Amino acid sequence: MAQALHWQKSTFSGGAEGNACVELAAAPACIRLRESDSPATHLRTTPTPLAGLLLHIKAGR
């Protein structure tokens, strides 16, 4: 049986209700990302590439 994912909203979402959020969930061997307005579509990554992406976003690249 597949384990249910625990999705967390980004702190930049402001905690508001609605569909303007990026959400993350830890899954076996990967991290999943989704846009709250399209919850059936998931991206899969691992911690190292995700950390690189976040560093570039913070640097404005």
PDB file of N, CA and C in Angstrom:
ATOM      1  N   MET A   1       0.843  -1.187   0.000  1.00  0.00           N
ATOM      2  CA  MET A   1       0.000   0.000   0.000  1.00  0.00           C
ATOM      3  C   MET A   1       0.884   1.245   0.000  1.00  0.00           C
ATOM      4  N   ALA A   2       0.564   2.214  -0.820  1.00  0.00           N
ATOM      5  CA  ALA A   2       1.326   3.464  -0.892  1.00  0.00           C
ATOM      6  C   ALA A   2       1.039   4.317   0.335  1.00  0.00           C
ATOM      7  N   GLN A   3       2.109   4.924   0.850  1.00  0.00           N
ATOM      8  CA  GLN A   3       1.980   5.794   2.006  1.00  0.00           C
ATOM      9  C   GLN A   3       1.494   7.171   1.565  1.00  0.00           C
ATOM     10  N   ALA A   4       0.564   7.752   2.311  1.00  0.00           N
ATOM     11  CA  ALA A   4       0.069   9.094   1.999  1.00  0.00           C
ATOM     12  C   ALA A   4       1.164  10.114   2.265  1.00  0.00           C
ATOM     13  N   LEU A   5       1.287  11.095   1.390  1.00  0.00           N
ATOM     14  CA  LEU A   5       2.288  12.140   1.553  1.00  0.00           C
ATOM     15  C   LEU A   5       1.761  13.252   2.448  1.00  0.00           C
ATOM     16  N   HIS A   6       2.643  13.817   3.244  1.00  0.00           N
ATOM     17  CA  HIS A   6       2.300  14.962   4.096  1.00  0.00           C
ATOM     18  C   HIS A   6       2.828  16.218   3.399  1.00  0.00           C
ATOM     19  N   TRP A   7       1.930  16.978   2.798  1.00  0.00           N
ATOM     20  CA  TRP A   7       2.313  18.167   2.039  1.00  0.00           C
ATOM     21  C   TRP A   7       2.427  19.361   2.969  1.00  0.00           C
ATOM     22  N   GLN A   8       3.497  20.165   2.768  1.00  0.00           N
ATOM     23  CA  GLN A   8       3.714  21.381   3.533  1.00  0.00           C
ATOM     24  C   GLN A   8       3.748  22.562   2.578  1.00  0.00           C
ATOM     25  N   LYS A   9       3.075  23.639   2.959  1.00  0.00           N
ATOM     26  CA  LYS A   9       3.100  24.862   2.150  1.00  0.00           C
ATOM     27  C   LYS A   9       4.389  25.624   2.403  1.00  0.00           C
ATOM     28  N   SER A  10       4.840  26.331   1.404  1.00  0.00           N
ATOM     29  CA  SER A  10       5.982  27.208   1.546  1.00  0.00           C
ATOM     30  C   SER A  10       5.654  28.306   2.547  1.00  0.00           C
ATOM     31  N   THR A  11       6.661  28.724   3.314  1.00  0.00           N
ATOM     32  CA  THR A  11       6.443  29.827   4.257  1.00  0.00           C
ATOM     33  C   THR A  11       6.159  31.128   3.516  1.00  0.00           C
ATOM     34  N   PHE A  12       6.554  31.210   2.243  1.00  0.00           N
ATOM     35  CA  PHE A  12       6.287  32.408   1.446  1.00  0.00           C
ATOM     36  C   PHE A  12       4.841  32.465   0.961  1.00  0.00           C
ATOM     37  N   SER A  13       4.077  31.412   1.196  1.00  0.00           N
ATOM     38  CA  SER A  13       2.677  31.408   0.792  1.00  0.00           C
ATOM     39  C   SER A  13       1.825  32.247   1.726  1.00  0.00           C
ATOM     40  N   GLY A  14       2.364  32.608   2.865  1.00  0.00           N
ATOM     41  CA  GLY A  14       1.655  33.474   3.796  1.00  0.00           C
ATOM     42  C   GLY A  14       0.543  32.792   4.563  1.00  0.00           C
ATOM     43  N   GLY A  15       0.384  31.502   4.423  1.00  0.00           N
ATOM     44  CA  GLY A  15      -0.638  30.782   5.156  1.00  0.00           C
ATOM     45  C   GLY A  15      -2.046  31.047   4.671  1.00  0.00           C
ATOM     46  N   ALA A  16      -2.196  31.757   3.593  1.00  0.00           N
ATOM     47  CA  ALA A  16      -3.530  32.086   3.081  1.00  0.00           C
ATOM     48  C   ALA A  16      -4.175  30.858   2.446  1.00  0.00           C
ATOM     49  N   GLU A  17      -5.455  30.825   2.487  1.00  0.00           N
ATOM     50  CA  GLU A  17      -6.191  29.764   1.809  1.00  0.00           C
ATOM     51  C   GLU A  17      -6.213  30.073   0.321  1.00  0.00           C
ATOM     52  N   GLY A  18      -6.434  29.072  -0.460  1.00  0.00           N
ATOM     53  CA  GLY A  18      -6.510  29.297  -1.895  1.00  0.00           C
ATOM     54  C   GLY A  18      -5.455  28.502  -2.632  1.00  0.00           C
ATOM     55  N   ASN A  19      -5.298  28.827  -3.891  1.00  0.00           N
ATOM     56  CA  ASN A  19      -4.416  28.044  -4.752  1.00  0.00           C
ATOM     57  C   ASN A  19      -3.236  28.860  -5.257  1.00  0.00           C
ATOM     58  N   ALA A  20      -2.497  29.448  -4.358  1.00  0.00           N
ATOM     59  CA  ALA A  20      -1.330  30.223  -4.759  1.00  0.00           C
ATOM     60  C   ALA A  20      -0.110  29.778  -3.967  1.00  0.00           C
ATOM     61  N   CYS A  21       0.071  28.471  -3.824  1.00  0.00           N
ATOM     62  CA  CYS A  21       1.101  27.955  -2.935  1.00  0.00           C
ATOM     63  C   CYS A  21       1.971  26.902  -3.617  1.00  0.00           C
ATOM     64  N   VAL A  22       3.217  26.868  -3.212  1.00  0.00           N
ATOM     65  CA  VAL A  22       4.103  25.768  -3.554  1.00  0.00           C
ATOM     66  C   VAL A  22       4.136  24.862  -2.344  1.00  0.00           C
ATOM     67  N   GLU A  23       4.003  23.564  -2.575  1.00  0.00           N
ATOM     68  CA  GLU A  23       3.976  22.606  -1.483  1.00  0.00           C
ATOM     69  C   GLU A  23       5.056  21.549  -1.693  1.00  0.00           C
ATOM     70  N   LEU A  24       5.635  21.077  -0.582  1.00  0.00           N
ATOM     71  CA  LEU A  24       6.667  20.041  -0.596  1.00  0.00           C
ATOM     72  C   LEU A  24       6.216  18.861   0.240  1.00  0.00           C
ATOM     73  N   ALA A  25       6.666  17.676  -0.134  1.00  0.00           N
ATOM     74  CA  ALA A  25       6.407  16.473   0.657  1.00  0.00           C
ATOM     75  C   ALA A  25       7.629  15.565   0.552  1.00  0.00           C
ATOM     76  N   ALA A  26       8.042  15.005   1.688  1.00  0.00           N
ATOM     77  CA  ALA A  26       9.121  14.022   1.684  1.00  0.00           C
ATOM     78  C   ALA A  26       8.523  12.675   1.308  1.00  0.00           C
ATOM     79  N   ALA A  27       9.155  12.020   0.366  1.00  0.00           N
ATOM     80  CA  ALA A  27       8.724  10.692  -0.079  1.00  0.00           C
ATOM     81  C   ALA A  27       9.952   9.792  -0.020  1.00  0.00           C
ATOM     82  N   PRO A  28       9.760   8.487  -0.033  1.00  0.00           N
ATOM     83  CA  PRO A  28      10.923   7.600  -0.017  1.00  0.00           C
ATOM     84  C   PRO A  28      11.875   7.922  -1.172  1.00  0.00           C
ATOM     85  N   ALA A  29      13.108   8.221  -0.842  1.00  0.00           N
ATOM     86  CA  ALA A  29      14.196   8.470  -1.793  1.00  0.00           C
ATOM     87  C   ALA A  29      14.052   9.740  -2.623  1.00  0.00           C
ATOM     88  N   CYS A  30      13.089  10.613  -2.315  1.00  0.00           N
ATOM     89  CA  CYS A  30      12.968  11.856  -3.081  1.00  0.00           C
ATOM     90  C   CYS A  30      12.151  12.885  -2.315  1.00  0.00           C
ATOM     91  N   ILE A  31      12.104  14.065  -2.880  1.00  0.00           N
ATOM     92  CA  ILE A  31      11.246  15.148  -2.396  1.00  0.00           C
ATOM     93  C   ILE A  31      10.292  15.465  -3.532  1.00  0.00           C
ATOM     94  N   ARG A  32       9.036  15.653  -3.212  1.00  0.00           N
ATOM     95  CA  ARG A  32       8.051  16.000  -4.245  1.00  0.00           C
ATOM     96  C   ARG A  32       7.604  17.435  -4.061  1.00  0.00           C
ATOM     97  N   LEU A  33       7.393  18.098  -5.175  1.00  0.00           N
ATOM     98  CA  LEU A  33       6.909  19.476  -5.192  1.00  0.00           C
ATOM     99  C   LEU A  33       5.646  19.533  -6.037  1.00  0.00           C
ATOM    100  N   ARG A  34       4.753  20.415  -5.664  1.00  0.00           N
ATOM    101  CA  ARG A  34       3.541  20.626  -6.462  1.00  0.00           C
ATOM    102  C   ARG A  34       3.050  22.052  -6.273  1.00  0.00           C
ATOM    103  N   GLU A  35       2.287  22.496  -7.228  1.00  0.00           N
ATOM    104  CA  GLU A  35       1.591  23.787  -7.176  1.00  0.00           C
ATOM    105  C   GLU A  35       0.197  23.481  -6.636  1.00  0.00           C
ATOM    106  N   SER A  36      -0.262  24.255  -5.671  1.00  0.00           N
ATOM    107  CA  SER A  36      -1.540  23.933  -5.039  1.00  0.00           C
ATOM    108  C   SER A  36      -2.729  24.015  -5.986  1.00  0.00           C
ATOM    109  N   ASP A  37      -2.608  24.784  -7.079  1.00  0.00           N
ATOM    110  CA  ASP A  37      -3.730  24.848  -8.013  1.00  0.00           C
ATOM    111  C   ASP A  37      -3.714  23.693  -9.010  1.00  0.00           C
ATOM    112  N   SER A  38      -2.690  22.839  -8.938  1.00  0.00           N
ATOM    113  CA  SER A  38      -2.604  21.651  -9.791  1.00  0.00           C
ATOM    114  C   SER A  38      -2.027  20.490  -8.971  1.00  0.00           C
ATOM    115  N   PRO A  39      -2.743  20.059  -7.924  1.00  0.00           N
ATOM    116  CA  PRO A  39      -2.187  19.096  -6.976  1.00  0.00           C
ATOM    117  C   PRO A  39      -1.900  17.703  -7.529  1.00  0.00           C
ATOM    118  N   ALA A  40      -2.441  17.351  -8.667  1.00  0.00           N
ATOM    119  CA  ALA A  40      -2.182  16.018  -9.226  1.00  0.00           C
ATOM    120  C   ALA A  40      -0.840  15.950  -9.949  1.00  0.00           C
ATOM    121  N   THR A  41      -0.242  17.105 -10.242  1.00  0.00           N
ATOM    122  CA  THR A  41       1.036  17.154 -10.940  1.00  0.00           C
ATOM    123  C   THR A  41       2.158  17.348  -9.932  1.00  0.00           C
ATOM    124  N   HIS A  42       3.079  16.374  -9.876  1.00  0.00           N
ATOM    125  CA  HIS A  42       4.193  16.431  -8.932  1.00  0.00           C
ATOM    126  C   HIS A  42       5.510  16.457  -9.679  1.00  0.00           C
ATOM    127  N   LEU A  43       6.464  17.178  -9.145  1.00  0.00           N
ATOM    128  CA  LEU A  43       7.842  17.110  -9.596  1.00  0.00           C
ATOM    129  C   LEU A  43       8.617  16.326  -8.543  1.00  0.00           C
ATOM    130  N   ARG A  44       9.562  15.513  -8.985  1.00  0.00           N
ATOM    131  CA  ARG A  44      10.395  14.759  -8.044  1.00  0.00           C
ATOM    132  C   ARG A  44      11.828  15.258  -8.142  1.00  0.00           C
ATOM    133  N   THR A  45      12.481  15.361  -6.981  1.00  0.00           N
ATOM    134  CA  THR A  45      13.877  15.748  -6.937  1.00  0.00           C
ATOM    135  C   THR A  45      14.504  15.134  -5.694  1.00  0.00           C
ATOM    136  N   THR A  46      15.785  15.398  -5.506  1.00  0.00           N
ATOM    137  CA  THR A  46      16.491  14.978  -4.306  1.00  0.00           C
ATOM    138  C   THR A  46      17.013  16.237  -3.618  1.00  0.00           C
ATOM    139  N   PRO A  47      17.483  16.126  -2.385  1.00  0.00           N
ATOM    140  CA  PRO A  47      17.887  17.330  -1.649  1.00  0.00           C
ATOM    141  C   PRO A  47      18.963  18.184  -2.323  1.00  0.00           C
ATOM    142  N   THR A  48      19.970  17.584  -2.934  1.00  0.00           N
ATOM    143  CA  THR A  48      21.067  18.371  -3.510  1.00  0.00           C
ATOM    144  C   THR A  48      20.608  19.282  -4.644  1.00  0.00           C
ATOM    145  N   PRO A  49      19.901  18.784  -5.674  1.00  0.00           N
ATOM    146  CA  PRO A  49      19.431  19.703  -6.723  1.00  0.00           C
ATOM    147  C   PRO A  49      18.432  20.745  -6.202  1.00  0.00           C
ATOM    148  N   LEU A  50      17.600  20.361  -5.247  1.00  0.00           N
ATOM    149  CA  LEU A  50      16.640  21.313  -4.689  1.00  0.00           C
ATOM    150  C   LEU A  50      17.377  22.428  -3.959  1.00  0.00           C
ATOM    151  N   ALA A  51      18.423  22.083  -3.202  1.00  0.00           N
ATOM    152  CA  ALA A  51      19.208  23.102  -2.497  1.00  0.00           C
ATOM    153  C   ALA A  51      19.866  24.049  -3.498  1.00  0.00           C
ATOM    154  N   GLY A  52      20.374  23.515  -4.614  1.00  0.00           N
ATOM    155  CA  GLY A  52      20.965  24.358  -5.647  1.00  0.00           C
ATOM    156  C   GLY A  52      19.952  25.307  -6.256  1.00  0.00           C
ATOM    157  N   LEU A  53      18.759  24.803  -6.538  1.00  0.00           N
ATOM    158  CA  LEU A  53      17.696  25.645  -7.085  1.00  0.00           C
ATOM    159  C   LEU A  53      17.354  26.775  -6.126  1.00  0.00           C
ATOM    160  N   LEU A  54      17.202  26.448  -4.853  1.00  0.00           N
ATOM    161  CA  LEU A  54      16.858  27.472  -3.863  1.00  0.00           C
ATOM    162  C   LEU A  54      17.955  28.521  -3.724  1.00  0.00           C
ATOM    163  N   LEU A  55      19.230  28.112  -3.792  1.00  0.00           N
ATOM    164  CA  LEU A  55      20.332  29.072  -3.739  1.00  0.00           C
ATOM    165  C   LEU A  55      20.264  30.047  -4.921  1.00  0.00           C
ATOM    166  N   HIS A  56      19.967  29.535  -6.122  1.00  0.00           N
ATOM    167  CA  HIS A  56      19.861  30.394  -7.296  1.00  0.00           C
ATOM    168  C   HIS A  56      18.659  31.319  -7.206  1.00  0.00           C
ATOM    169  N   ILE A  57      17.562  30.828  -6.691  1.00  0.00           N
ATOM    170  CA  ILE A  57      16.371  31.676  -6.532  1.00  0.00           C
ATOM    171  C   ILE A  57      16.670  32.807  -5.555  1.00  0.00           C
ATOM    172  N   LYS A  58      17.300  32.477  -4.424  1.00  0.00           N
ATOM    173  CA  LYS A  58      17.617  33.498  -3.417  1.00  0.00           C
ATOM    174  C   LYS A  58      18.601  34.530  -3.955  1.00  0.00           C
ATOM    175  N   ALA A  59      19.488  34.096  -4.840  1.00  0.00           N
ATOM    176  CA  ALA A  59      20.476  35.007  -5.421  1.00  0.00           C
ATOM    177  C   ALA A  59      19.888  35.826  -6.568  1.00  0.00           C
ATOM    178  N   GLY A  60      18.653  35.549  -6.946  1.00  0.00           N
ATOM    179  CA  GLY A  60      17.988  36.289  -8.007  1.00  0.00           C
ATOM    180  C   GLY A  60      18.422  35.890  -9.399  1.00  0.00           C
ATOM    181  N   ARG A  61      18.885  34.648  -9.546  1.00  0.00           N
ATOM    182  CA  ARG A  61      19.334  34.175 -10.875  1.00  0.00           C
ATOM    183  C   ARG A  61      18.260  33.418 -11.579  1.00  0.00           C
TER     184      ARG A  61
END
